[in-house]
Amino acid sequence: MSGPWFSIPFGVALAAYSLVQLGSTPHWWNIATTAILLSAAVTSVLRGVLDLRARRRAPRD
């Protein structure tokens, strides 16, 4: 479950969830949670993109 077809959609869903859970009147813990979840989402999406690029550049047997 670490391939790009999991990492990219998971990262996008995690980013969407982090923004939705922020709510209309955020408190400091909502903002902190959003920052943590967004950083995890960015990491997941970047890992998926880098994995896709590595697979495209890898020599084929």
C-alpha atoms as a PDB file:
ATOM      1  CA  MET A   1       0.000   0.000   0.000  1.00  0.00           C
ATOM      2  CA  SER A   2       2.835   2.343  -0.739  1.00  0.00           C
ATOM      3  CA  GLY A   3       2.552   2.577  -4.511  1.00  0.00           C
ATOM      4  CA  PRO A   4       1.590   5.775  -6.317  1.00  0.00           C
ATOM      5  CA  TRP A   5      -1.940   4.540  -6.956  1.00  0.00           C
ATOM      6  CA  PHE A   6      -2.452   4.540  -3.180  1.00  0.00           C
ATOM      7  CA  SER A   7      -0.215   7.412  -2.066  1.00  0.00           C
ATOM      8  CA  ILE A   8      -1.594  10.111  -4.344  1.00  0.00           C
ATOM      9  CA  PRO A   9      -5.347   9.561  -3.705  1.00  0.00           C
ATOM     10  CA  PHE A  10      -4.664   9.039   0.010  1.00  0.00           C
ATOM     11  CA  GLY A  11      -2.757  12.329   0.177  1.00  0.00           C
ATOM     12  CA  VAL A  12      -5.507  14.214  -1.624  1.00  0.00           C
ATOM     13  CA  ALA A  13      -8.187  12.720   0.633  1.00  0.00           C
ATOM     14  CA  LEU A  14      -6.128  13.497   3.733  1.00  0.00           C
ATOM     15  CA  ALA A  15      -5.672  17.111   2.626  1.00  0.00           C
ATOM     16  CA  ALA A  16      -9.410  17.460   1.984  1.00  0.00           C
ATOM     17  CA  TYR A  17     -10.229  15.976   5.375  1.00  0.00           C
ATOM     18  CA  SER A  18      -7.764  18.264   7.132  1.00  0.00           C
ATOM     19  CA  LEU A  19      -9.394  21.330   5.600  1.00  0.00           C
ATOM     20  CA  VAL A  20     -12.930  20.123   6.325  1.00  0.00           C
ATOM     21  CA  GLN A  21     -12.196  19.315   9.963  1.00  0.00           C
ATOM     22  CA  LEU A  22     -10.918  22.861  10.429  1.00  0.00           C
ATOM     23  CA  GLY A  23     -14.515  24.053  10.632  1.00  0.00           C
ATOM     24  CA  SER A  24     -15.956  27.532  10.577  1.00  0.00           C
ATOM     25  CA  THR A  25     -14.555  28.680  13.945  1.00  0.00           C
ATOM     26  CA  PRO A  26     -11.196  26.988  14.364  1.00  0.00           C
ATOM     27  CA  HIS A  27      -9.384  26.790  17.679  1.00  0.00           C
ATOM     28  CA  TRP A  28      -5.648  26.358  18.113  1.00  0.00           C
ATOM     29  CA  TRP A  29      -5.929  22.560  18.246  1.00  0.00           C
ATOM     30  CA  ASN A  30      -7.881  22.505  14.978  1.00  0.00           C
ATOM     31  CA  ILE A  31      -5.210  24.616  13.313  1.00  0.00           C
ATOM     32  CA  ALA A  32      -2.423  22.417  14.714  1.00  0.00           C
ATOM     33  CA  THR A  33      -4.202  19.255  13.558  1.00  0.00           C
ATOM     34  CA  THR A  34      -4.716  20.757  10.106  1.00  0.00           C
ATOM     35  CA  ALA A  35      -1.031  21.638   9.836  1.00  0.00           C
ATOM     36  CA  ILE A  36       0.010  18.109  10.817  1.00  0.00           C
ATOM     37  CA  LEU A  37      -2.480  16.441   8.457  1.00  0.00           C
ATOM     38  CA  LEU A  38      -1.569  18.742   5.568  1.00  0.00           C
ATOM     39  CA  SER A  39       2.126  18.003   5.992  1.00  0.00           C
ATOM     40  CA  ALA A  40       1.361  14.261   5.964  1.00  0.00           C
ATOM     41  CA  ALA A  41      -0.800  14.761   2.866  1.00  0.00           C
ATOM     42  CA  VAL A  42       1.925  16.660   1.023  1.00  0.00           C
ATOM     43  CA  THR A  43       4.447  13.976   1.957  1.00  0.00           C
ATOM     44  CA  SER A  44       2.144  11.245   0.678  1.00  0.00           C
ATOM     45  CA  VAL A  45       1.436  12.983  -2.632  1.00  0.00           C
ATOM     46  CA  LEU A  46       5.111  13.793  -3.213  1.00  0.00           C
ATOM     47  CA  ARG A  47       6.089  10.206  -2.457  1.00  0.00           C
ATOM     48  CA  GLY A  48       3.557   9.002  -5.011  1.00  0.00           C
ATOM     49  CA  VAL A  49       4.765  11.452  -7.647  1.00  0.00           C
ATOM     50  CA  LEU A  50       8.407  10.542  -7.055  1.00  0.00           C
ATOM     51  CA  ASP A  51       7.544   6.852  -7.237  1.00  0.00           C
ATOM     52  CA  LEU A  52       5.770   7.385 -10.550  1.00  0.00           C
ATOM     53  CA  ARG A  53       8.782   9.235 -11.952  1.00  0.00           C
ATOM     54  CA  ALA A  54      11.147   6.528 -10.745  1.00  0.00           C
ATOM     55  CA  ARG A  55       9.048   3.821 -12.401  1.00  0.00           C
ATOM     56  CA  ARG A  56       9.015   5.703 -15.700  1.00  0.00           C
ATOM     57  CA  ARG A  57      12.785   6.201 -15.667  1.00  0.00           C
ATOM     58  CA  ALA A  58      13.632   2.660 -14.612  1.00  0.00           C
ATOM     59  CA  PRO A  59      15.088   0.484 -17.361  1.00  0.00           C
ATOM     60  CA  ARG A  60      12.669  -2.111 -18.649  1.00  0.00           C
ATOM     61  CA  ASP A  61      13.731  -5.727 -18.825  1.00  0.00           C
END
